[in-house]
Amino acid sequence: MVFTAGSSLYMAPSLGVAPYDAIAPIISTRFLIKYKTARVGQDVCFLVAALIAGGPIGFASIVVAFFAGPLISYWDRSISTPTMDYINDLSEQPSFQIIGKCGCQRY
């Protein structure tokens, strides 16, 4: 859970991501599919590649392969996008009144 929340928060500003984390957004944009579908497909492909290469596959590997994409999408909707919207609104008209109010009330 913490891994997927952190991934969502660091990818939300669109300031650059690690190469592994850039594959799913590129695929979802180019092929017009949902991010979570692209991420599950990517993770399953890497899981199969690890299996073919003789790497260790454990329970956690399988859980991450199938649930990282949907969980990152959930965090995007519930935390990352509202937070980025709040920061963008604050940067357009900075004031101490806006800072004192929680921007989460609008969402």
PDB file of N, CA and C in Angstrom:
ATOM      1  N   MET A   1       0.825  -1.187   0.000  1.00  0.00           N
ATOM      2  CA  MET A   1       0.000   0.000   0.000  1.00  0.00           C
ATOM      3  C   MET A   1       0.872   1.256   0.000  1.00  0.00           C
ATOM      4  N   VAL A   2       1.887   1.268   0.840  1.00  0.00           N
ATOM      5  CA  VAL A   2       2.755   2.440   0.926  1.00  0.00           C
ATOM      6  C   VAL A   2       3.530   2.627  -0.380  1.00  0.00           C
ATOM      7  N   PHE A   3       3.985   1.538  -0.970  1.00  0.00           N
ATOM      8  CA  PHE A   3       4.710   1.603  -2.252  1.00  0.00           C
ATOM      9  C   PHE A   3       3.844   2.244  -3.329  1.00  0.00           C
ATOM     10  N   THR A   4       2.584   1.823  -3.432  1.00  0.00           N
ATOM     11  CA  THR A   4       1.723   2.348  -4.489  1.00  0.00           C
ATOM     12  C   THR A   4       1.329   3.797  -4.219  1.00  0.00           C
ATOM     13  N   ALA A   5       1.113   4.160  -2.961  1.00  0.00           N
ATOM     14  CA  ALA A   5       0.802   5.556  -2.626  1.00  0.00           C
ATOM     15  C   ALA A   5       1.990   6.452  -2.956  1.00  0.00           C
ATOM     16  N   GLY A   6       3.182   6.007  -2.608  1.00  0.00           N
ATOM     17  CA  GLY A   6       4.388   6.785  -2.929  1.00  0.00           C
ATOM     18  C   GLY A   6       4.602   6.907  -4.421  1.00  0.00           C
ATOM     19  N   SER A   7       4.363   5.834  -5.148  1.00  0.00           N
ATOM     20  CA  SER A   7       4.504   5.882  -6.608  1.00  0.00           C
ATOM     21  C   SER A   7       3.535   6.885  -7.210  1.00  0.00           C
ATOM     22  N   SER A   8       2.321   6.880  -6.735  1.00  0.00           N
ATOM     23  CA  SER A   8       1.311   7.814  -7.234  1.00  0.00           C
ATOM     24  C   SER A   8       1.715   9.257  -6.944  1.00  0.00           C
ATOM     25  N   LEU A   9       2.184   9.512  -5.736  1.00  0.00           N
ATOM     26  CA  LEU A   9       2.559  10.882  -5.368  1.00  0.00           C
ATOM     27  C   LEU A   9       3.775  11.391  -6.143  1.00  0.00           C
ATOM     28  N   TYR A  10       4.731  10.526  -6.428  1.00  0.00           N
ATOM     29  CA  TYR A  10       5.899  11.023  -7.135  1.00  0.00           C
ATOM     30  C   TYR A  10       5.672  11.119  -8.639  1.00  0.00           C
ATOM     31  N   MET A  11       4.689  10.391  -9.178  1.00  0.00           N
ATOM     32  CA  MET A  11       4.388  10.494 -10.605  1.00  0.00           C
ATOM     33  C   MET A  11       3.385  11.607 -10.915  1.00  0.00           C
ATOM     34  N   ALA A  12       2.602  12.030  -9.933  1.00  0.00           N
ATOM     35  CA  ALA A  12       1.533  13.003 -10.156  1.00  0.00           C
ATOM     36  C   ALA A  12       2.005  14.344 -10.722  1.00  0.00           C
ATOM     37  N   PRO A  13       3.105  14.922 -10.267  1.00  0.00           N
ATOM     38  CA  PRO A  13       3.498  16.234 -10.788  1.00  0.00           C
ATOM     39  C   PRO A  13       4.009  16.211 -12.231  1.00  0.00           C
ATOM     40  N   SER A  14       4.213  15.044 -12.807  1.00  0.00           N
ATOM     41  CA  SER A  14       4.725  14.911 -14.183  1.00  0.00           C
ATOM     42  C   SER A  14       6.075  15.603 -14.355  1.00  0.00           C
ATOM     43  N   LEU A  15       6.939  15.428 -13.377  1.00  0.00           N
ATOM     44  CA  LEU A  15       8.274  16.014 -13.438  1.00  0.00           C
ATOM     45  C   LEU A  15       9.327  14.988 -13.830  1.00  0.00           C
ATOM     46  N   GLY A  16       8.888  13.821 -14.233  1.00  0.00           N
ATOM     47  CA  GLY A  16       9.800  12.761 -14.619  1.00  0.00           C
ATOM     48  C   GLY A  16       9.669  11.577 -13.696  1.00  0.00           C
ATOM     49  N   VAL A  17       9.861  10.396 -14.246  1.00  0.00           N
ATOM     50  CA  VAL A  17       9.758   9.165 -13.469  1.00  0.00           C
ATOM     51  C   VAL A  17      10.888   8.233 -13.875  1.00  0.00           C
ATOM     52  N   ALA A  18      11.050   7.184 -13.108  1.00  0.00           N
ATOM     53  CA  ALA A  18      12.049   6.164 -13.439  1.00  0.00           C
ATOM     54  C   ALA A  18      11.627   5.440 -14.715  1.00  0.00           C
ATOM     55  N   PRO A  19      12.571   4.891 -15.462  1.00  0.00           N
ATOM     56  CA  PRO A  19      12.216   4.210 -16.714  1.00  0.00           C
ATOM     57  C   PRO A  19      11.170   3.113 -16.543  1.00  0.00           C
ATOM     58  N   TYR A  20      11.264   2.335 -15.483  1.00  0.00           N
ATOM     59  CA  TYR A  20      10.289   1.260 -15.252  1.00  0.00           C
ATOM     60  C   TYR A  20       8.886   1.832 -15.044  1.00  0.00           C
ATOM     61  N   ASP A  21       8.799   2.953 -14.342  1.00  0.00           N
ATOM     62  CA  ASP A  21       7.498   3.567 -14.078  1.00  0.00           C
ATOM     63  C   ASP A  21       6.972   4.368 -15.263  1.00  0.00           C
ATOM     64  N   ALA A  22       7.803   4.626 -16.260  1.00  0.00           N
ATOM     65  CA  ALA A  22       7.368   5.393 -17.431  1.00  0.00           C
ATOM     66  C   ALA A  22       6.708   4.521 -18.493  1.00  0.00           C
ATOM     67  N   ILE A  23       6.918   3.222 -18.444  1.00  0.00           N
ATOM     68  CA  ILE A  23       6.400   2.333 -19.483  1.00  0.00           C
ATOM     69  C   ILE A  23       4.871   2.337 -19.511  1.00  0.00           C
ATOM     70  N   ALA A  24       4.226   2.131 -18.378  1.00  0.00           N
ATOM     71  CA  ALA A  24       2.762   2.046 -18.339  1.00  0.00           C
ATOM     72  C   ALA A  24       2.075   3.347 -18.768  1.00  0.00           C
ATOM     73  N   PRO A  25       2.524   4.531 -18.307  1.00  0.00           N
ATOM     74  CA  PRO A  25       1.870   5.758 -18.789  1.00  0.00           C
ATOM     75  C   PRO A  25       2.029   5.961 -20.296  1.00  0.00           C
ATOM     76  N   ILE A  26       3.173   5.594 -20.836  1.00  0.00           N
ATOM     77  CA  ILE A  26       3.383   5.726 -22.282  1.00  0.00           C
ATOM     78  C   ILE A  26       2.452   4.791 -23.037  1.00  0.00           C
ATOM     79  N   ILE A  27       2.355   3.545 -22.582  1.00  0.00           N
ATOM     80  CA  ILE A  27       1.474   2.572 -23.239  1.00  0.00           C
ATOM     81  C   ILE A  27       0.017   3.018 -23.134  1.00  0.00           C
ATOM     82  N   SER A  28      -0.397   3.486 -21.968  1.00  0.00           N
ATOM     83  CA  SER A  28      -1.795   3.888 -21.796  1.00  0.00           C
ATOM     84  C   SER A  28      -2.144   5.095 -22.654  1.00  0.00           C
ATOM     85  N   THR A  29      -1.200   6.003 -22.848  1.00  0.00           N
ATOM     86  CA  THR A  29      -1.446   7.176 -23.691  1.00  0.00           C
ATOM     87  C   THR A  29      -1.476   6.803 -25.165  1.00  0.00           C
ATOM     88  N   ARG A  30      -0.531   6.017 -25.591  1.00  0.00           N
ATOM     89  CA  ARG A  30      -0.434   5.673 -27.023  1.00  0.00           C
ATOM     90  C   ARG A  30      -1.531   4.733 -27.499  1.00  0.00           C
ATOM     91  N   PHE A  31      -1.939   3.798 -26.662  1.00  0.00           N
ATOM     92  CA  PHE A  31      -2.932   2.809 -27.072  1.00  0.00           C
ATOM     93  C   PHE A  31      -4.328   3.091 -26.513  1.00  0.00           C
ATOM     94  N   LEU A  32      -4.469   4.230 -25.827  1.00  0.00           N
ATOM     95  CA  LEU A  32      -5.752   4.674 -25.285  1.00  0.00           C
ATOM     96  C   LEU A  32      -6.417   3.619 -24.396  1.00  0.00           C
ATOM     97  N   ILE A  33      -5.630   3.086 -23.478  1.00  0.00           N
ATOM     98  CA  ILE A  33      -6.172   2.153 -22.489  1.00  0.00           C
ATOM     99  C   ILE A  33      -5.952   2.746 -21.105  1.00  0.00           C
ATOM    100  N   LYS A  34      -6.633   2.203 -20.117  1.00  0.00           N
ATOM    101  CA  LYS A  34      -6.498   2.707 -18.755  1.00  0.00           C
ATOM    102  C   LYS A  34      -5.101   2.398 -18.219  1.00  0.00           C
ATOM    103  N   TYR A  35      -4.627   3.301 -17.350  1.00  0.00           N
ATOM    104  CA  TYR A  35      -3.302   3.123 -16.758  1.00  0.00           C
ATOM    105  C   TYR A  35      -3.217   1.799 -16.003  1.00  0.00           C
ATOM    106  N   LYS A  36      -4.240   1.485 -15.217  1.00  0.00           N
ATOM    107  CA  LYS A  36      -4.152   0.270 -14.407  1.00  0.00           C
ATOM    108  C   LYS A  36      -4.043  -0.983 -15.275  1.00  0.00           C
ATOM    109  N   THR A  37      -4.701  -0.985 -16.431  1.00  0.00           N
ATOM    110  CA  THR A  37      -4.596  -2.124 -17.346  1.00  0.00           C
ATOM    111  C   THR A  37      -3.189  -2.223 -17.922  1.00  0.00           C
ATOM    112  N   ALA A  38      -2.640  -1.073 -18.315  1.00  0.00           N
ATOM    113  CA  ALA A  38      -1.279  -1.061 -18.861  1.00  0.00           C
ATOM    114  C   ALA A  38      -0.263  -1.497 -17.806  1.00  0.00           C
ATOM    115  N   ARG A  39      -0.454  -1.051 -16.571  1.00  0.00           N
ATOM    116  CA  ARG A  39       0.493  -1.379 -15.508  1.00  0.00           C
ATOM    117  C   ARG A  39       0.435  -2.868 -15.157  1.00  0.00           C
ATOM    118  N   VAL A  40      -0.768  -3.425 -15.100  1.00  0.00           N
ATOM    119  CA  VAL A  40      -0.889  -4.860 -14.814  1.00  0.00           C
ATOM    120  C   VAL A  40      -0.233  -5.660 -15.941  1.00  0.00           C
ATOM    121  N   GLY A  41      -0.494  -5.272 -17.189  1.00  0.00           N
ATOM    122  CA  GLY A  41       0.135  -5.954 -18.325  1.00  0.00           C
ATOM    123  C   GLY A  41       1.648  -5.879 -18.272  1.00  0.00           C
ATOM    124  N   GLN A  42       2.167  -4.704 -17.957  1.00  0.00           N
ATOM    125  CA  GLN A  42       3.617  -4.520 -17.843  1.00  0.00           C
ATOM    126  C   GLN A  42       4.185  -5.392 -16.732  1.00  0.00           C
ATOM    127  N   ASP A  43       3.569  -5.345 -15.561  1.00  0.00           N
ATOM    128  CA  ASP A  43       4.084  -6.114 -14.426  1.00  0.00           C
ATOM    129  C   ASP A  43       4.005  -7.619 -14.661  1.00  0.00           C
ATOM    130  N   VAL A  44       2.948  -8.078 -15.310  1.00  0.00           N
ATOM    131  CA  VAL A  44       2.831  -9.500 -15.621  1.00  0.00           C
ATOM    132  C   VAL A  44       3.894  -9.911 -16.638  1.00  0.00           C
ATOM    133  N   CYS A  45       4.159  -9.069 -17.629  1.00  0.00           N
ATOM    134  CA  CYS A  45       5.224  -9.370 -18.601  1.00  0.00           C
ATOM    135  C   CYS A  45       6.579  -9.492 -17.917  1.00  0.00           C
ATOM    136  N   PHE A  46       6.861  -8.589 -16.980  1.00  0.00           N
ATOM    137  CA  PHE A  46       8.129  -8.671 -16.255  1.00  0.00           C
ATOM    138  C   PHE A  46       8.165  -9.876 -15.325  1.00  0.00           C
ATOM    139  N   LEU A  47       7.021 -10.247 -14.773  1.00  0.00           N
ATOM    140  CA  LEU A  47       6.945 -11.443 -13.931  1.00  0.00           C
ATOM    141  C   LEU A  47       7.248 -12.690 -14.753  1.00  0.00           C
ATOM    142  N   VAL A  48       6.687 -12.770 -15.946  1.00  0.00           N
ATOM    143  CA  VAL A  48       6.942 -13.910 -16.839  1.00  0.00           C
ATOM    144  C   VAL A  48       8.405 -13.916 -17.274  1.00  0.00           C
ATOM    145  N   ALA A  49       8.961 -12.733 -17.573  1.00  0.00           N
ATOM    146  CA  ALA A  49      10.370 -12.649 -17.965  1.00  0.00           C
ATOM    147  C   ALA A  49      11.278 -13.127 -16.829  1.00  0.00           C
ATOM    148  N   ALA A  50      10.938 -12.766 -15.609  1.00  0.00           N
ATOM    149  CA  ALA A  50      11.726 -13.224 -14.456  1.00  0.00           C
ATOM    150  C   ALA A  50      11.620 -14.733 -14.295  1.00  0.00           C
ATOM    151  N   LEU A  51      10.445 -15.268 -14.534  1.00  0.00           N
ATOM    152  CA  LEU A  51      10.239 -16.711 -14.437  1.00  0.00           C
ATOM    153  C   LEU A  51      11.059 -17.447 -15.502  1.00  0.00           C
ATOM    154  N   ILE A  52      11.048 -16.930 -16.728  1.00  0.00           N
ATOM    155  CA  ILE A  52      11.808 -17.538 -17.819  1.00  0.00           C
ATOM    156  C   ILE A  52      13.308 -17.461 -17.544  1.00  0.00           C
ATOM    157  N   ALA A  53      13.746 -16.345 -16.953  1.00  0.00           N
ATOM    158  CA  ALA A  53      15.167 -16.162 -16.655  1.00  0.00           C
ATOM    159  C   ALA A  53      15.610 -16.941 -15.423  1.00  0.00           C
ATOM    160  N   GLY A  54      14.669 -17.572 -14.747  1.00  0.00           N
ATOM    161  CA  GLY A  54      15.034 -18.378 -13.586  1.00  0.00           C
ATOM    162  C   GLY A  54      15.092 -17.595 -12.294  1.00  0.00           C
ATOM    163  N   GLY A  55      14.531 -16.403 -12.288  1.00  0.00           N
ATOM    164  CA  GLY A  55      14.534 -15.585 -11.078  1.00  0.00           C
ATOM    165  C   GLY A  55      13.517 -16.080 -10.074  1.00  0.00           C
ATOM    166  N   PRO A  56      13.695 -15.687  -8.823  1.00  0.00           N
ATOM    167  CA  PRO A  56      12.746 -16.128  -7.800  1.00  0.00           C
ATOM    168  C   PRO A  56      11.421 -15.373  -7.915  1.00  0.00           C
ATOM    169  N   ILE A  57      10.332 -16.111  -7.902  1.00  0.00           N
ATOM    170  CA  ILE A  57       8.996 -15.531  -7.932  1.00  0.00           C
ATOM    171  C   ILE A  57       8.311 -15.939  -6.638  1.00  0.00           C
ATOM    172  N   GLY A  58       7.904 -14.941  -5.863  1.00  0.00           N
ATOM    173  CA  GLY A  58       7.230 -15.227  -4.603  1.00  0.00           C
ATOM    174  C   GLY A  58       5.804 -14.697  -4.601  1.00  0.00           C
ATOM    175  N   PHE A  59       5.156 -14.873  -3.490  1.00  0.00           N
ATOM    176  CA  PHE A  59       3.780 -14.422  -3.338  1.00  0.00           C
ATOM    177  C   PHE A  59       3.680 -12.915  -3.532  1.00  0.00           C
ATOM    178  N   ALA A  60       4.613 -12.180  -2.956  1.00  0.00           N
ATOM    179  CA  ALA A  60       4.592 -10.711  -3.069  1.00  0.00           C
ATOM    180  C   ALA A  60       4.757 -10.265  -4.516  1.00  0.00           C
ATOM    181  N   SER A  61       5.559 -10.965  -5.290  1.00  0.00           N
ATOM    182  CA  SER A  61       5.741 -10.629  -6.704  1.00  0.00           C
ATOM    183  C   SER A  61       4.426 -10.731  -7.462  1.00  0.00           C
ATOM    184  N   ILE A  62       3.669 -11.754  -7.161  1.00  0.00           N
ATOM    185  CA  ILE A  62       2.384 -11.961  -7.837  1.00  0.00           C
ATOM    186  C   ILE A  62       1.374 -10.911  -7.399  1.00  0.00           C
ATOM    187  N   VAL A  63       1.340 -10.594  -6.110  1.00  0.00           N
ATOM    188  CA  VAL A  63       0.418  -9.574  -5.594  1.00  0.00           C
ATOM    189  C   VAL A  63       0.728  -8.216  -6.223  1.00  0.00           C
ATOM    190  N   VAL A  64       2.000  -7.848  -6.265  1.00  0.00           N
ATOM    191  CA  VAL A  64       2.384  -6.558  -6.852  1.00  0.00           C
ATOM    192  C   VAL A  64       2.046  -6.523  -8.335  1.00  0.00           C
ATOM    193  N   ALA A  65       2.264  -7.609  -9.036  1.00  0.00           N
ATOM    194  CA  ALA A  65       1.982  -7.648 -10.473  1.00  0.00           C
ATOM    195  C   ALA A  65       0.516  -7.356 -10.773  1.00  0.00           C
ATOM    196  N   PHE A  66      -0.384  -7.866  -9.958  1.00  0.00           N
ATOM    197  CA  PHE A  66      -1.805  -7.711 -10.252  1.00  0.00           C
ATOM    198  C   PHE A  66      -2.482  -6.540  -9.544  1.00  0.00           C
ATOM    199  N   PHE A  67      -1.855  -6.002  -8.506  1.00  0.00           N
ATOM    200  CA  PHE A  67      -2.536  -4.953  -7.741  1.00  0.00           C
ATOM    201  C   PHE A  67      -1.839  -3.600  -7.728  1.00  0.00           C
ATOM    202  N   ALA A  68      -0.613  -3.488  -8.204  1.00  0.00           N
ATOM    203  CA  ALA A  68       0.068  -2.192  -8.201  1.00  0.00           C
ATOM    204  C   ALA A  68      -0.660  -1.192  -9.095  1.00  0.00           C
ATOM    205  N   GLY A  69      -1.018  -1.580 -10.295  1.00  0.00           N
ATOM    206  CA  GLY A  69      -1.702  -0.675 -11.217  1.00  0.00           C
ATOM    207  C   GLY A  69      -3.027  -0.162 -10.689  1.00  0.00           C
ATOM    208  N   PRO A  70      -3.934  -1.055 -10.249  1.00  0.00           N
ATOM    209  CA  PRO A  70      -5.202  -0.570  -9.698  1.00  0.00           C
ATOM    210  C   PRO A  70      -5.031   0.299  -8.446  1.00  0.00           C
ATOM    211  N   LEU A  71      -4.070  -0.046  -7.591  1.00  0.00           N
ATOM    212  CA  LEU A  71      -3.862   0.760  -6.387  1.00  0.00           C
ATOM    213  C   LEU A  71      -3.272   2.130  -6.717  1.00  0.00           C
ATOM    214  N   ILE A  72      -2.347   2.196  -7.662  1.00  0.00           N
ATOM    215  CA  ILE A  72      -1.804   3.494  -8.065  1.00  0.00           C
ATOM    216  C   ILE A  72      -2.906   4.359  -8.674  1.00  0.00           C
ATOM    217  N   SER A  73      -3.779   3.774  -9.464  1.00  0.00           N
ATOM    218  CA  SER A  73      -4.916   4.513 -10.028  1.00  0.00           C
ATOM    219  C   SER A  73      -5.838   5.020  -8.919  1.00  0.00           C
ATOM    220  N   TYR A  74      -6.057   4.199  -7.917  1.00  0.00           N
ATOM    221  CA  TYR A  74      -6.891   4.626  -6.777  1.00  0.00           C
ATOM    222  C   TYR A  74      -6.262   5.814  -6.068  1.00  0.00           C
ATOM    223  N   TRP A  75      -4.973   5.740  -5.760  1.00  0.00           N
ATOM    224  CA  TRP A  75      -4.296   6.844  -5.077  1.00  0.00           C
ATOM    225  C   TRP A  75      -4.289   8.097  -5.952  1.00  0.00           C
ATOM    226  N   ASP A  76      -4.170   7.932  -7.266  1.00  0.00           N
ATOM    227  CA  ASP A  76      -4.229   9.093  -8.163  1.00  0.00           C
ATOM    228  C   ASP A  76      -5.555   9.828  -7.993  1.00  0.00           C
ATOM    229  N   ARG A  77      -6.641   9.083  -8.004  1.00  0.00           N
ATOM    230  CA  ARG A  77      -7.976   9.687  -7.875  1.00  0.00           C
ATOM    231  C   ARG A  77      -8.212  10.289  -6.502  1.00  0.00           C
ATOM    232  N   SER A  78      -7.807   9.599  -5.465  1.00  0.00           N
ATOM    233  CA  SER A  78      -8.192  10.013  -4.116  1.00  0.00           C
ATOM    234  C   SER A  78      -7.218  10.967  -3.434  1.00  0.00           C
ATOM    235  N   ILE A  79      -5.936  10.900  -3.765  1.00  0.00           N
ATOM    236  CA  ILE A  79      -4.971  11.744  -3.055  1.00  0.00           C
ATOM    237  C   ILE A  79      -4.130  12.613  -4.002  1.00  0.00           C
ATOM    238  N   SER A  80      -3.490  12.021  -4.961  1.00  0.00           N
ATOM    239  CA  SER A  80      -2.505  12.740  -5.761  1.00  0.00           C
ATOM    240  C   SER A  80      -3.108  13.856  -6.617  1.00  0.00           C
ATOM    241  N   THR A  81      -4.172  13.559  -7.346  1.00  0.00           N
ATOM    242  CA  THR A  81      -4.779  14.580  -8.200  1.00  0.00           C
ATOM    243  C   THR A  81      -5.384  15.717  -7.373  1.00  0.00           C
ATOM    244  N   PRO A  82      -6.158  15.433  -6.307  1.00  0.00           N
ATOM    245  CA  PRO A  82      -6.648  16.548  -5.491  1.00  0.00           C
ATOM    246  C   PRO A  82      -5.520  17.377  -4.870  1.00  0.00           C
ATOM    247  N   THR A  83      -4.446  16.720  -4.454  1.00  0.00           N
ATOM    248  CA  THR A  83      -3.314  17.446  -3.878  1.00  0.00           C
ATOM    249  C   THR A  83      -2.653  18.337  -4.921  1.00  0.00           C
ATOM    250  N   MET A  84      -2.447  17.812  -6.115  1.00  0.00           N
ATOM    251  CA  MET A  84      -1.837  18.614  -7.183  1.00  0.00           C
ATOM    252  C   MET A  84      -2.750  19.773  -7.590  1.00  0.00           C
ATOM    253  N   ASP A  85      -4.053  19.541  -7.635  1.00  0.00           N
ATOM    254  CA  ASP A  85      -4.994  20.617  -7.944  1.00  0.00           C
ATOM    255  C   ASP A  85      -4.938  21.704  -6.883  1.00  0.00           C
ATOM    256  N   TYR A  86      -4.866  21.313  -5.625  1.00  0.00           N
ATOM    257  CA  TYR A  86      -4.772  22.273  -4.524  1.00  0.00           C
ATOM    258  C   TYR A  86      -3.487  23.087  -4.620  1.00  0.00           C
ATOM    259  N   ILE A  87      -2.383  22.433  -4.898  1.00  0.00           N
ATOM    260  CA  ILE A  87      -1.109  23.140  -5.026  1.00  0.00           C
ATOM    261  C   ILE A  87      -1.142  24.089  -6.217  1.00  0.00           C
ATOM    262  N   ASN A  88      -1.720  23.656  -7.325  1.00  0.00           N
ATOM    263  CA  ASN A  88      -1.828  24.530  -8.499  1.00  0.00           C
ATOM    264  C   ASN A  88      -2.707  25.738  -8.215  1.00  0.00           C
ATOM    265  N   ASP A  89      -3.838  25.529  -7.542  1.00  0.00           N
ATOM    266  CA  ASP A  89      -4.709  26.653  -7.173  1.00  0.00           C
ATOM    267  C   ASP A  89      -3.989  27.609  -6.244  1.00  0.00           C
ATOM    268  N   LEU A  90      -3.263  27.070  -5.305  1.00  0.00           N
ATOM    269  CA  LEU A  90      -2.528  27.899  -4.350  1.00  0.00           C
ATOM    270  C   LEU A  90      -1.443  28.698  -5.048  1.00  0.00           C
ATOM    271  N   SER A  91      -0.784  28.116  -6.024  1.00  0.00           N
ATOM    272  CA  SER A  91       0.297  28.826  -6.713  1.00  0.00           C
ATOM    273  C   SER A  91      -0.225  29.916  -7.641  1.00  0.00           C
ATOM    274  N   GLU A  92      -1.485  29.805  -8.090  1.00  0.00           N
ATOM    275  CA  GLU A  92      -2.054  30.847  -8.939  1.00  0.00           C
ATOM    276  C   GLU A  92      -2.390  32.093  -8.137  1.00  0.00           C
ATOM    277  N   GLN A  93      -2.931  31.929  -6.948  1.00  0.00           N
ATOM    278  CA  GLN A  93      -3.279  33.061  -6.095  1.00  0.00           C
ATOM    279  C   GLN A  93      -2.837  32.771  -4.668  1.00  0.00           C
ATOM    280  N   PRO A  94      -1.552  32.929  -4.397  1.00  0.00           N
ATOM    281  CA  PRO A  94      -1.077  32.615  -3.049  1.00  0.00           C
ATOM    282  C   PRO A  94      -1.577  33.633  -2.025  1.00  0.00           C
ATOM    283  N   SER A  95      -2.083  33.151  -0.927  1.00  0.00           N
ATOM    284  CA  SER A  95      -2.476  34.010   0.188  1.00  0.00           C
ATOM    285  C   SER A  95      -2.522  33.170   1.450  1.00  0.00           C
ATOM    286  N   PHE A  96      -2.422  33.841   2.581  1.00  0.00           N
ATOM    287  CA  PHE A  96      -2.459  33.112   3.845  1.00  0.00           C
ATOM    288  C   PHE A  96      -3.863  32.599   4.153  1.00  0.00           C
ATOM    289  N   GLN A  97      -4.905  33.235   3.594  1.00  0.00           N
ATOM    290  CA  GLN A  97      -6.268  32.740   3.797  1.00  0.00           C
ATOM    291  C   GLN A  97      -6.449  31.380   3.146  1.00  0.00           C
ATOM    292  N   ILE A  98      -5.931  31.217   1.935  1.00  0.00           N
ATOM    293  CA  ILE A  98      -6.054  29.948   1.228  1.00  0.00           C
ATOM    294  C   ILE A  98      -5.269  28.861   1.939  1.00  0.00           C
ATOM    295  N   ILE A  99      -4.079  29.223   2.431  1.00  0.00           N
ATOM    296  CA  ILE A  99      -3.252  28.233   3.123  1.00  0.00           C
ATOM    297  C   ILE A  99      -3.948  27.728   4.369  1.00  0.00           C
ATOM    298  N   GLY A 100      -4.669  28.628   5.080  1.00  0.00           N
ATOM    299  CA  GLY A 100      -5.349  28.251   6.316  1.00  0.00           C
ATOM    300  C   GLY A 100      -6.523  27.330   6.096  1.00  0.00           C
ATOM    301  N   LYS A 101      -7.126  27.395   4.929  1.00  0.00           N
ATOM    302  CA  LYS A 101      -8.270  26.532   4.625  1.00  0.00           C
ATOM    303  C   LYS A 101      -7.771  25.254   3.972  1.00  0.00           C
ATOM    304  N   CYS A 102      -8.353  24.157   4.335  1.00  0.00           N
ATOM    305  CA  CYS A 102      -7.974  22.886   3.720  1.00  0.00           C
ATOM    306  C   CYS A 102      -8.590  22.814   2.343  1.00  0.00           C
ATOM    307  N   GLY A 103      -7.767  22.649   1.328  1.00  0.00           N
ATOM    308  CA  GLY A 103      -8.258  22.556  -0.047  1.00  0.00           C
ATOM    309  C   GLY A 103      -9.020  21.275  -0.313  1.00  0.00           C
ATOM    310  N   CYS A 104      -8.964  20.334   0.632  1.00  0.00           N
ATOM    311  CA  CYS A 104      -9.629  19.046   0.434  1.00  0.00           C
ATOM    312  C   CYS A 104     -11.149  19.166   0.485  1.00  0.00           C
ATOM    313  N   GLN A 105     -11.669  20.259   1.042  1.00  0.00           N
ATOM    314  CA  GLN A 105     -13.117  20.404   1.178  1.00  0.00           C
ATOM    315  C   GLN A 105     -13.803  20.491  -0.175  1.00  0.00           C
ATOM    316  N   ARG A 106     -13.110  20.967  -1.169  1.00  0.00           N
ATOM    317  CA  ARG A 106     -13.711  21.111  -2.485  1.00  0.00           C
ATOM    318  C   ARG A 106     -13.834  19.766  -3.183  1.00  0.00           C
ATOM    319  N   TYR A 107     -13.123  18.779  -2.751  1.00  0.00           N
ATOM    320  CA  TYR A 107     -13.077  17.508  -3.469  1.00  0.00           C
ATOM    321  C   TYR A 107     -13.877  16.509  -2.720  1.00  0.00           C
TER     322      TYR A 107
END
